[in-house]
Amino acid sequence: MNRLSISAPRGWRLKHLWRHIAVSILLLASTPMAFANELRVGQPAPGITLDTLDGRHISLAELHGKTVILTFWATWCGPCRDELPLLSSYAQEHARDNLVVLGFSLDAPDTLDQVKRVASTLRFPTGLLEDPHVPGYGRIWRLPVSFVIDRNGLLVHDGWKDKQPELTRERLEQVVTPLLERPRR
């Protein structure tokens, strides 16, 4: 029996181990994008919690029974600045219809004053997103991006699929308004 076939030289084994570790790290690093590709309209929406600027914690699970819009934005994003007032007025118009909008800002903590200024004009809770890698939604790389969840917790609208990322009044009327629960009179 040939001794080389039984045991490889130590240097070769270490090199092989480091390659294996490097490949594993790369696979783990790419996992959040894979999760975004696993979003399926009609399936349960991945859980998420908004840590608001005023210290509250609002989890998607707590909002079961309500229609929810998750919107990801930043103060430096021009299209976001156009979309946020629209979402704010829509949220105010439909608050009695069990609509909740949650705003996740991708701004850095050192721009908190700017985020607070924008948030003070909005009629929905907002918080800073600590990490752009959101389990189940992927790495938030395009802004704005929004997701709509129905009152049963199912994903109804996947913002990654939109060619035009900003929500418009027409899009809200098409996608969200039919989901809303009208108050009984």
N, C-alpha and C. Protein backbone atom coordinates (compact mmCIF):
# COMPACT_ATOMS: atom_id res chain seq x y z
N MET A 1 0.84 -1.17 0.00
CA MET A 1 0.00 0.00 0.00
C MET A 1 0.89 1.24 0.00
N ASN A 2 0.53 2.22 -0.78
CA ASN A 2 1.30 3.44 -0.90
C ASN A 2 0.97 4.37 0.28
N ARG A 3 2.02 4.84 0.97
CA ARG A 3 1.83 5.69 2.15
C ARG A 3 1.16 7.03 1.79
N LEU A 4 1.39 7.57 0.60
CA LEU A 4 0.80 8.85 0.23
C LEU A 4 -0.72 8.76 0.11
N SER A 5 -1.23 7.61 -0.25
CA SER A 5 -2.68 7.48 -0.37
C SER A 5 -3.35 7.37 0.99
N ILE A 6 -2.61 7.03 2.02
CA ILE A 6 -3.18 6.88 3.36
C ILE A 6 -3.26 8.22 4.07
N SER A 7 -2.21 9.02 4.01
CA SER A 7 -2.25 10.31 4.68
C SER A 7 -1.59 11.37 3.82
N ALA A 8 -2.25 12.46 3.67
CA ALA A 8 -1.72 13.57 2.89
C ALA A 8 -0.78 14.39 3.76
N PRO A 9 0.14 15.11 3.15
CA PRO A 9 1.03 15.97 3.92
C PRO A 9 0.24 17.01 4.71
N ARG A 10 0.77 17.39 5.87
CA ARG A 10 0.08 18.31 6.77
C ARG A 10 -0.26 19.64 6.07
N GLY A 11 0.64 20.20 5.30
CA GLY A 11 0.39 21.46 4.59
C GLY A 11 -0.79 21.36 3.65
N TRP A 12 -0.91 20.27 2.97
CA TRP A 12 -2.03 20.07 2.05
C TRP A 12 -3.35 20.02 2.81
N ARG A 13 -3.36 19.33 3.96
CA ARG A 13 -4.58 19.23 4.75
C ARG A 13 -5.02 20.60 5.27
N LEU A 14 -4.06 21.41 5.74
CA LEU A 14 -4.40 22.76 6.22
C LEU A 14 -4.94 23.63 5.09
N LYS A 15 -4.32 23.54 3.93
CA LYS A 15 -4.77 24.32 2.78
C LYS A 15 -6.20 23.92 2.41
N HIS A 16 -6.47 22.62 2.42
CA HIS A 16 -7.79 22.11 2.12
C HIS A 16 -8.80 22.58 3.17
N LEU A 17 -8.43 22.58 4.44
CA LEU A 17 -9.31 23.03 5.52
C LEU A 17 -9.65 24.50 5.34
N TRP A 18 -8.66 25.35 5.04
CA TRP A 18 -8.91 26.78 4.86
C TRP A 18 -9.81 27.04 3.66
N ARG A 19 -9.65 26.27 2.60
CA ARG A 19 -10.55 26.40 1.45
C ARG A 19 -11.97 26.07 1.86
N HIS A 20 -12.13 25.01 2.62
CA HIS A 20 -13.46 24.60 3.09
C HIS A 20 -14.08 25.69 3.96
N ILE A 21 -13.29 26.27 4.86
CA ILE A 21 -13.78 27.36 5.73
C ILE A 21 -14.18 28.56 4.88
N ALA A 22 -13.35 28.94 3.91
CA ALA A 22 -13.65 30.09 3.05
C ALA A 22 -14.95 29.89 2.27
N VAL A 23 -15.14 28.70 1.72
CA VAL A 23 -16.37 28.41 0.97
C VAL A 23 -17.57 28.47 1.91
N SER A 24 -17.44 27.94 3.11
CA SER A 24 -18.54 27.98 4.08
C SER A 24 -18.92 29.41 4.43
N ILE A 25 -17.93 30.26 4.65
CA ILE A 25 -18.18 31.66 4.97
C ILE A 25 -18.90 32.36 3.82
N LEU A 26 -18.46 32.11 2.60
CA LEU A 26 -19.12 32.72 1.44
C LEU A 26 -20.57 32.26 1.32
N LEU A 27 -20.82 31.00 1.57
CA LEU A 27 -22.20 30.50 1.51
C LEU A 27 -23.06 31.14 2.59
N LEU A 28 -22.53 31.28 3.79
CA LEU A 28 -23.28 31.91 4.87
C LEU A 28 -23.54 33.38 4.58
N ALA A 29 -22.56 34.05 4.00
CA ALA A 29 -22.71 35.47 3.69
C ALA A 29 -23.78 35.69 2.63
N SER A 30 -23.99 34.74 1.76
CA SER A 30 -24.98 34.91 0.70
C SER A 30 -26.38 34.46 1.13
N THR A 31 -26.53 33.92 2.31
CA THR A 31 -27.81 33.38 2.76
C THR A 31 -28.92 34.41 2.79
N PRO A 32 -28.73 35.66 3.28
CA PRO A 32 -29.85 36.60 3.32
C PRO A 32 -30.48 36.82 1.95
N MET A 33 -29.72 36.91 0.89
CA MET A 33 -30.31 37.09 -0.43
C MET A 33 -31.12 35.86 -0.81
N ALA A 34 -30.66 34.69 -0.41
CA ALA A 34 -31.42 33.49 -0.70
C ALA A 34 -32.78 33.54 -0.01
N PHE A 35 -32.82 34.08 1.22
CA PHE A 35 -34.10 34.19 1.91
C PHE A 35 -35.04 35.11 1.15
N ALA A 36 -34.52 36.21 0.60
CA ALA A 36 -35.38 37.13 -0.15
C ALA A 36 -35.99 36.41 -1.34
N ASN A 37 -35.24 35.53 -1.96
CA ASN A 37 -35.76 34.79 -3.09
C ASN A 37 -36.80 33.77 -2.66
N GLU A 38 -36.89 33.48 -1.37
CA GLU A 38 -37.85 32.52 -0.88
C GLU A 38 -39.17 33.17 -0.48
N LEU A 39 -39.25 34.50 -0.55
CA LEU A 39 -40.53 35.16 -0.28
C LEU A 39 -41.54 34.68 -1.31
N ARG A 40 -42.71 34.31 -0.85
CA ARG A 40 -43.74 33.81 -1.75
C ARG A 40 -45.06 34.49 -1.43
N VAL A 41 -45.62 35.15 -2.41
CA VAL A 41 -46.94 35.74 -2.24
C VAL A 41 -47.91 34.61 -1.93
N GLY A 42 -48.76 34.83 -0.94
CA GLY A 42 -49.73 33.83 -0.52
C GLY A 42 -49.23 32.94 0.61
N GLN A 43 -47.96 33.09 0.97
CA GLN A 43 -47.37 32.32 2.06
C GLN A 43 -47.19 33.23 3.28
N PRO A 44 -47.02 32.66 4.49
CA PRO A 44 -46.80 33.51 5.66
C PRO A 44 -45.60 34.44 5.49
N ALA A 45 -45.80 35.69 5.86
CA ALA A 45 -44.72 36.67 5.78
C ALA A 45 -43.71 36.40 6.89
N PRO A 46 -42.42 36.56 6.59
CA PRO A 46 -41.41 36.39 7.64
C PRO A 46 -41.63 37.38 8.77
N GLY A 47 -41.37 36.96 9.98
CA GLY A 47 -41.52 37.83 11.14
C GLY A 47 -40.50 38.95 11.12
N ILE A 48 -40.88 40.07 11.67
CA ILE A 48 -39.99 41.23 11.77
C ILE A 48 -40.50 42.09 12.92
N THR A 49 -39.59 42.79 13.59
CA THR A 49 -39.96 43.69 14.68
C THR A 49 -39.37 45.06 14.41
N LEU A 50 -40.19 46.09 14.55
CA LEU A 50 -39.74 47.47 14.43
C LEU A 50 -39.43 47.99 15.82
N ASP A 51 -38.19 48.43 16.02
CA ASP A 51 -37.81 49.13 17.24
C ASP A 51 -37.95 50.62 16.93
N THR A 52 -39.01 51.23 17.44
CA THR A 52 -39.35 52.59 17.05
C THR A 52 -38.40 53.61 17.67
N LEU A 53 -38.42 54.80 17.12
CA LEU A 53 -37.57 55.88 17.62
C LEU A 53 -37.93 56.27 19.05
N ASP A 54 -39.18 56.01 19.45
CA ASP A 54 -39.59 56.35 20.82
C ASP A 54 -39.49 55.16 21.78
N GLY A 55 -38.81 54.07 21.34
CA GLY A 55 -38.51 52.97 22.25
C GLY A 55 -39.51 51.83 22.29
N ARG A 56 -40.54 51.88 21.46
CA ARG A 56 -41.49 50.76 21.43
C ARG A 56 -40.95 49.65 20.53
N HIS A 57 -41.48 48.46 20.71
CA HIS A 57 -41.15 47.31 19.88
C HIS A 57 -42.46 46.79 19.31
N ILE A 58 -42.60 46.83 17.99
CA ILE A 58 -43.82 46.40 17.33
C ILE A 58 -43.47 45.22 16.43
N SER A 59 -43.98 44.04 16.80
CA SER A 59 -43.67 42.86 15.99
C SER A 59 -44.83 42.58 15.03
N LEU A 60 -44.49 42.02 13.91
CA LEU A 60 -45.50 41.65 12.92
C LEU A 60 -46.50 40.68 13.53
N ALA A 61 -46.03 39.79 14.38
CA ALA A 61 -46.92 38.81 15.02
C ALA A 61 -48.02 39.49 15.84
N GLU A 62 -47.70 40.63 16.48
CA GLU A 62 -48.69 41.38 17.27
C GLU A 62 -49.79 41.98 16.41
N LEU A 63 -49.50 42.13 15.13
CA LEU A 63 -50.42 42.82 14.24
C LEU A 63 -51.34 41.89 13.47
N HIS A 64 -51.36 40.62 13.89
CA HIS A 64 -52.25 39.65 13.23
C HIS A 64 -53.68 40.19 13.31
N GLY A 65 -54.40 40.14 12.21
CA GLY A 65 -55.74 40.70 12.15
C GLY A 65 -55.77 42.08 11.52
N LYS A 66 -54.60 42.63 11.23
CA LYS A 66 -54.50 43.93 10.58
C LYS A 66 -53.75 43.78 9.25
N THR A 67 -54.02 44.68 8.33
CA THR A 67 -53.26 44.75 7.09
C THR A 67 -52.03 45.60 7.38
N VAL A 68 -50.87 45.13 6.95
CA VAL A 68 -49.61 45.80 7.30
C VAL A 68 -48.81 46.12 6.03
N ILE A 69 -48.28 47.33 5.99
CA ILE A 69 -47.31 47.71 4.96
C ILE A 69 -45.98 47.89 5.67
N LEU A 70 -44.98 47.15 5.24
CA LEU A 70 -43.61 47.35 5.72
C LEU A 70 -42.91 48.17 4.66
N THR A 71 -42.36 49.31 5.02
CA THR A 71 -41.65 50.12 4.05
C THR A 71 -40.25 50.41 4.55
N PHE A 72 -39.29 50.26 3.66
CA PHE A 72 -37.88 50.50 3.95
C PHE A 72 -37.47 51.75 3.18
N TRP A 73 -36.85 52.71 3.86
CA TRP A 73 -36.56 54.01 3.29
C TRP A 73 -35.30 54.60 3.91
N ALA A 74 -34.89 55.76 3.41
CA ALA A 74 -33.76 56.51 3.98
C ALA A 74 -33.94 57.99 3.66
N THR A 75 -33.38 58.84 4.49
CA THR A 75 -33.50 60.29 4.28
C THR A 75 -32.78 60.73 3.02
N TRP A 76 -31.75 60.01 2.60
CA TRP A 76 -30.97 60.38 1.42
C TRP A 76 -31.57 59.84 0.13
N CYS A 77 -32.69 59.15 0.20
CA CYS A 77 -33.34 58.52 -0.95
C CYS A 77 -34.42 59.44 -1.50
N GLY A 78 -34.21 59.98 -2.70
CA GLY A 78 -35.18 60.88 -3.33
C GLY A 78 -36.56 60.26 -3.52
N PRO A 79 -36.65 59.07 -4.13
CA PRO A 79 -37.97 58.45 -4.29
C PRO A 79 -38.67 58.17 -2.95
N CYS A 80 -37.88 57.92 -1.90
CA CYS A 80 -38.48 57.71 -0.57
C CYS A 80 -39.15 58.98 -0.09
N ARG A 81 -38.51 60.13 -0.32
CA ARG A 81 -39.07 61.40 0.12
C ARG A 81 -40.39 61.69 -0.59
N ASP A 82 -40.57 61.15 -1.80
CA ASP A 82 -41.85 61.30 -2.51
C ASP A 82 -42.90 60.31 -1.97
N GLU A 83 -42.46 59.11 -1.64
CA GLU A 83 -43.39 58.06 -1.23
C GLU A 83 -43.88 58.23 0.22
N LEU A 84 -43.01 58.66 1.11
CA LEU A 84 -43.36 58.72 2.54
C LEU A 84 -44.59 59.57 2.83
N PRO A 85 -44.74 60.79 2.26
CA PRO A 85 -45.96 61.56 2.54
C PRO A 85 -47.22 60.85 2.03
N LEU A 86 -47.12 60.17 0.90
CA LEU A 86 -48.25 59.41 0.37
C LEU A 86 -48.65 58.29 1.33
N LEU A 87 -47.65 57.53 1.80
CA LEU A 87 -47.93 56.46 2.76
C LEU A 87 -48.50 57.01 4.06
N SER A 88 -48.00 58.15 4.48
CA SER A 88 -48.48 58.76 5.72
C SER A 88 -49.95 59.15 5.60
N SER A 89 -50.32 59.80 4.51
CA SER A 89 -51.72 60.20 4.36
C SER A 89 -52.61 58.97 4.16
N TYR A 90 -52.13 57.96 3.45
CA TYR A 90 -52.90 56.73 3.25
C TYR A 90 -53.11 56.02 4.60
N ALA A 91 -52.06 55.98 5.42
CA ALA A 91 -52.16 55.35 6.74
C ALA A 91 -53.18 56.10 7.60
N GLN A 92 -53.16 57.41 7.54
CA GLN A 92 -54.10 58.20 8.33
C GLN A 92 -55.54 57.98 7.84
N GLU A 93 -55.74 57.97 6.53
CA GLU A 93 -57.08 57.76 5.97
C GLU A 93 -57.67 56.41 6.37
N HIS A 94 -56.80 55.41 6.50
CA HIS A 94 -57.28 54.05 6.70
C HIS A 94 -56.95 53.46 8.08
N ALA A 95 -56.61 54.30 9.02
CA ALA A 95 -56.28 53.81 10.37
C ALA A 95 -57.46 53.06 10.99
N ARG A 96 -58.67 53.52 10.76
CA ARG A 96 -59.87 52.85 11.31
C ARG A 96 -60.19 51.55 10.57
N ASP A 97 -59.52 51.32 9.44
CA ASP A 97 -59.75 50.11 8.65
C ASP A 97 -58.74 49.01 8.99
N ASN A 98 -58.07 49.16 10.13
CA ASN A 98 -57.06 48.20 10.59
C ASN A 98 -55.85 48.12 9.66
N LEU A 99 -55.41 49.27 9.20
CA LEU A 99 -54.16 49.36 8.42
C LEU A 99 -53.06 49.87 9.33
N VAL A 100 -51.89 49.21 9.25
CA VAL A 100 -50.72 49.66 9.98
C VAL A 100 -49.57 49.75 8.99
N VAL A 101 -48.85 50.87 9.03
CA VAL A 101 -47.64 51.04 8.24
C VAL A 101 -46.48 51.08 9.22
N LEU A 102 -45.43 50.32 8.93
CA LEU A 102 -44.21 50.34 9.73
C LEU A 102 -43.07 50.81 8.84
N GLY A 103 -42.36 51.84 9.28
CA GLY A 103 -41.27 52.41 8.50
C GLY A 103 -39.91 52.06 9.07
N PHE A 104 -39.07 51.44 8.25
CA PHE A 104 -37.72 51.04 8.65
C PHE A 104 -36.72 51.92 7.90
N SER A 105 -36.02 52.79 8.62
CA SER A 105 -35.04 53.67 8.00
C SER A 105 -33.68 52.99 7.94
N LEU A 106 -33.03 53.08 6.80
CA LEU A 106 -31.70 52.52 6.63
C LEU A 106 -30.60 53.55 6.89
N ASP A 107 -30.97 54.68 7.46
CA ASP A 107 -29.97 55.70 7.78
C ASP A 107 -29.04 55.22 8.88
N ALA A 108 -27.85 55.79 8.90
CA ALA A 108 -26.86 55.48 9.94
C ALA A 108 -27.27 56.17 11.24
N PRO A 109 -26.90 55.59 12.38
CA PRO A 109 -27.25 56.21 13.67
C PRO A 109 -26.77 57.66 13.81
N ASP A 110 -25.69 58.03 13.13
CA ASP A 110 -25.20 59.40 13.27
C ASP A 110 -26.08 60.42 12.54
N THR A 111 -27.08 59.96 11.78
CA THR A 111 -28.03 60.87 11.13
C THR A 111 -29.39 60.81 11.81
N LEU A 112 -29.41 60.38 13.06
CA LEU A 112 -30.67 60.21 13.79
C LEU A 112 -31.50 61.49 13.82
N ASP A 113 -30.86 62.65 13.92
CA ASP A 113 -31.63 63.90 13.94
C ASP A 113 -32.41 64.09 12.64
N GLN A 114 -31.81 63.76 11.51
CA GLN A 114 -32.50 63.87 10.21
C GLN A 114 -33.67 62.88 10.15
N VAL A 115 -33.44 61.66 10.62
CA VAL A 115 -34.49 60.64 10.64
C VAL A 115 -35.65 61.11 11.50
N LYS A 116 -35.35 61.66 12.67
CA LYS A 116 -36.40 62.14 13.56
C LYS A 116 -37.20 63.28 12.92
N ARG A 117 -36.51 64.16 12.19
CA ARG A 117 -37.22 65.26 11.51
C ARG A 117 -38.22 64.70 10.50
N VAL A 118 -37.79 63.73 9.70
CA VAL A 118 -38.70 63.13 8.71
C VAL A 118 -39.81 62.37 9.43
N ALA A 119 -39.44 61.58 10.43
CA ALA A 119 -40.42 60.76 11.15
C ALA A 119 -41.49 61.62 11.82
N SER A 120 -41.13 62.83 12.25
CA SER A 120 -42.11 63.70 12.92
C SER A 120 -43.21 64.15 11.97
N THR A 121 -43.01 64.02 10.68
CA THR A 121 -44.03 64.39 9.69
C THR A 121 -44.90 63.21 9.29
N LEU A 122 -44.58 62.01 9.78
CA LEU A 122 -45.27 60.80 9.35
C LEU A 122 -46.33 60.37 10.36
N ARG A 123 -47.36 59.73 9.87
CA ARG A 123 -48.45 59.23 10.71
C ARG A 123 -48.34 57.73 10.95
N PHE A 124 -47.11 57.23 10.95
CA PHE A 124 -46.88 55.81 11.25
C PHE A 124 -45.55 55.67 11.97
N PRO A 125 -45.40 54.60 12.75
CA PRO A 125 -44.17 54.42 13.52
C PRO A 125 -42.96 54.13 12.63
N THR A 126 -41.84 54.67 13.06
CA THR A 126 -40.59 54.54 12.32
C THR A 126 -39.46 54.19 13.27
N GLY A 127 -38.49 53.48 12.75
CA GLY A 127 -37.29 53.16 13.53
C GLY A 127 -36.10 52.97 12.61
N LEU A 128 -34.93 52.96 13.22
CA LEU A 128 -33.69 52.72 12.45
C LEU A 128 -33.49 51.21 12.33
N LEU A 129 -33.13 50.79 11.15
CA LEU A 129 -32.81 49.39 10.92
C LEU A 129 -31.34 49.21 11.24
N GLU A 130 -31.05 48.38 12.20
CA GLU A 130 -29.66 48.19 12.64
C GLU A 130 -28.79 47.54 11.56
N ASP A 131 -29.38 46.65 10.79
CA ASP A 131 -28.63 45.86 9.83
C ASP A 131 -29.45 45.73 8.56
N PRO A 132 -28.88 46.02 7.39
CA PRO A 132 -29.66 45.92 6.15
C PRO A 132 -29.98 44.48 5.74
N HIS A 133 -29.45 43.50 6.46
CA HIS A 133 -29.76 42.09 6.21
C HIS A 133 -30.94 41.71 7.10
N VAL A 134 -32.11 41.56 6.51
CA VAL A 134 -33.32 41.30 7.27
C VAL A 134 -33.75 39.86 7.01
N PRO A 135 -33.67 39.00 8.03
CA PRO A 135 -34.03 37.60 7.82
C PRO A 135 -35.41 37.46 7.17
N GLY A 136 -35.44 36.72 6.10
CA GLY A 136 -36.68 36.47 5.37
C GLY A 136 -36.93 37.46 4.25
N TYR A 137 -36.40 38.68 4.38
CA TYR A 137 -36.61 39.70 3.36
C TYR A 137 -35.34 39.96 2.55
N GLY A 138 -34.22 39.44 3.02
CA GLY A 138 -32.96 39.60 2.30
C GLY A 138 -32.22 40.85 2.69
N ARG A 139 -31.22 41.17 1.92
CA ARG A 139 -30.45 42.39 2.13
C ARG A 139 -31.19 43.53 1.46
N ILE A 140 -31.53 44.54 2.24
CA ILE A 140 -32.26 45.68 1.69
C ILE A 140 -31.24 46.55 0.94
N TRP A 141 -31.29 46.49 -0.36
CA TRP A 141 -30.30 47.17 -1.19
C TRP A 141 -30.93 48.19 -2.12
N ARG A 142 -32.23 48.14 -2.29
CA ARG A 142 -32.93 49.07 -3.18
C ARG A 142 -33.97 49.80 -2.35
N LEU A 143 -34.02 51.10 -2.51
CA LEU A 143 -34.98 51.91 -1.76
C LEU A 143 -35.76 52.80 -2.69
N PRO A 144 -37.01 53.05 -2.37
CA PRO A 144 -37.76 52.37 -1.32
C PRO A 144 -38.14 50.96 -1.77
N VAL A 145 -38.43 50.13 -0.80
CA VAL A 145 -39.00 48.81 -1.09
C VAL A 145 -40.03 48.55 0.00
N SER A 146 -41.19 48.03 -0.42
CA SER A 146 -42.29 47.80 0.52
C SER A 146 -42.88 46.41 0.33
N PHE A 147 -43.48 45.91 1.39
CA PHE A 147 -44.12 44.61 1.40
C PHE A 147 -45.49 44.78 2.06
N VAL A 148 -46.49 44.07 1.55
CA VAL A 148 -47.83 44.16 2.12
C VAL A 148 -48.22 42.78 2.64
N ILE A 149 -48.74 42.79 3.87
CA ILE A 149 -49.15 41.55 4.54
C ILE A 149 -50.63 41.69 4.89
N ASP A 150 -51.40 40.65 4.59
CA ASP A 150 -52.84 40.73 4.88
C ASP A 150 -53.11 40.41 6.35
N ARG A 151 -54.37 40.51 6.75
CA ARG A 151 -54.73 40.33 8.17
C ARG A 151 -54.51 38.91 8.67
N ASN A 152 -54.29 37.96 7.76
CA ASN A 152 -53.99 36.58 8.15
C ASN A 152 -52.48 36.32 8.23
N GLY A 153 -51.69 37.37 8.01
CA GLY A 153 -50.24 37.22 8.09
C GLY A 153 -49.60 36.70 6.81
N LEU A 154 -50.35 36.73 5.70
CA LEU A 154 -49.82 36.24 4.43
C LEU A 154 -49.26 37.38 3.60
N LEU A 155 -48.16 37.13 2.93
CA LEU A 155 -47.55 38.12 2.05
C LEU A 155 -48.44 38.29 0.82
N VAL A 156 -48.86 39.52 0.56
CA VAL A 156 -49.74 39.82 -0.56
C VAL A 156 -48.98 40.55 -1.65
N HIS A 157 -47.98 41.32 -1.25
CA HIS A 157 -47.21 42.13 -2.21
C HIS A 157 -45.74 42.06 -1.85
N ASP A 158 -44.93 41.60 -2.80
CA ASP A 158 -43.48 41.47 -2.64
C ASP A 158 -42.81 42.60 -3.41
N GLY A 159 -42.31 43.59 -2.69
CA GLY A 159 -41.70 44.76 -3.30
C GLY A 159 -40.49 44.47 -4.16
N TRP A 160 -39.83 43.34 -3.94
CA TRP A 160 -38.68 42.99 -4.78
C TRP A 160 -39.11 42.75 -6.22
N LYS A 161 -40.37 42.40 -6.42
CA LYS A 161 -40.86 42.07 -7.76
C LYS A 161 -41.29 43.30 -8.55
N ASP A 162 -41.39 44.45 -7.90
CA ASP A 162 -41.84 45.68 -8.57
C ASP A 162 -40.77 46.24 -9.48
N LYS A 163 -41.17 46.56 -10.71
CA LYS A 163 -40.25 47.26 -11.61
C LYS A 163 -40.14 48.72 -11.21
N GLN A 164 -41.25 49.29 -10.77
CA GLN A 164 -41.30 50.66 -10.24
C GLN A 164 -41.37 50.53 -8.73
N PRO A 165 -40.27 50.80 -8.00
CA PRO A 165 -40.26 50.50 -6.57
C PRO A 165 -41.16 51.37 -5.70
N GLU A 166 -41.41 52.64 -6.07
CA GLU A 166 -42.23 53.48 -5.21
C GLU A 166 -43.69 53.08 -5.32
N LEU A 167 -44.36 53.08 -4.17
CA LEU A 167 -45.79 52.86 -4.18
C LEU A 167 -46.47 54.14 -4.63
N THR A 168 -47.49 54.01 -5.43
CA THR A 168 -48.29 55.15 -5.89
C THR A 168 -49.68 55.02 -5.30
N ARG A 169 -50.48 56.08 -5.40
CA ARG A 169 -51.86 56.04 -4.92
C ARG A 169 -52.62 54.92 -5.66
N GLU A 170 -52.40 54.81 -6.98
CA GLU A 170 -53.08 53.79 -7.77
C GLU A 170 -52.70 52.39 -7.30
N ARG A 171 -51.41 52.19 -7.03
CA ARG A 171 -50.93 50.87 -6.58
C ARG A 171 -51.51 50.53 -5.20
N LEU A 172 -51.56 51.50 -4.32
CA LEU A 172 -52.16 51.29 -3.00
C LEU A 172 -53.64 50.92 -3.14
N GLU A 173 -54.35 51.61 -4.03
CA GLU A 173 -55.77 51.31 -4.24
C GLU A 173 -55.96 49.91 -4.82
N GLN A 174 -55.05 49.47 -5.68
CA GLN A 174 -55.15 48.14 -6.29
C GLN A 174 -54.80 47.03 -5.30
N VAL A 175 -53.71 47.22 -4.55
CA VAL A 175 -53.16 46.15 -3.73
C VAL A 175 -53.69 46.17 -2.30
N VAL A 176 -53.70 47.32 -1.67
CA VAL A 176 -53.98 47.40 -0.23
C VAL A 176 -55.46 47.63 0.09
N THR A 177 -56.09 48.56 -0.58
CA THR A 177 -57.47 48.92 -0.24
C THR A 177 -58.42 47.71 -0.22
N PRO A 178 -58.33 46.78 -1.17
CA PRO A 178 -59.23 45.62 -1.10
C PRO A 178 -59.03 44.74 0.13
N LEU A 179 -57.89 44.86 0.78
CA LEU A 179 -57.58 44.03 1.96
C LEU A 179 -58.11 44.62 3.26
N LEU A 180 -58.48 45.88 3.22
CA LEU A 180 -58.82 46.59 4.45
C LEU A 180 -60.18 46.18 4.99
N GLU A 181 -60.25 46.17 6.30
CA GLU A 181 -61.48 45.84 7.00
C GLU A 181 -62.22 47.14 7.27
N ARG A 182 -63.37 47.26 6.68
CA ARG A 182 -64.18 48.46 6.88
C ARG A 182 -64.85 48.42 8.24
N PRO A 183 -64.84 49.55 8.97
CA PRO A 183 -65.51 49.55 10.28
C PRO A 183 -67.02 49.38 10.13
N ARG A 184 -67.61 48.70 11.09
CA ARG A 184 -69.07 48.52 11.08
C ARG A 184 -69.72 49.79 11.61
N ARG A 185 -70.77 50.19 10.98
CA ARG A 185 -71.45 51.44 11.40
C ARG A 185 -72.67 51.14 12.20
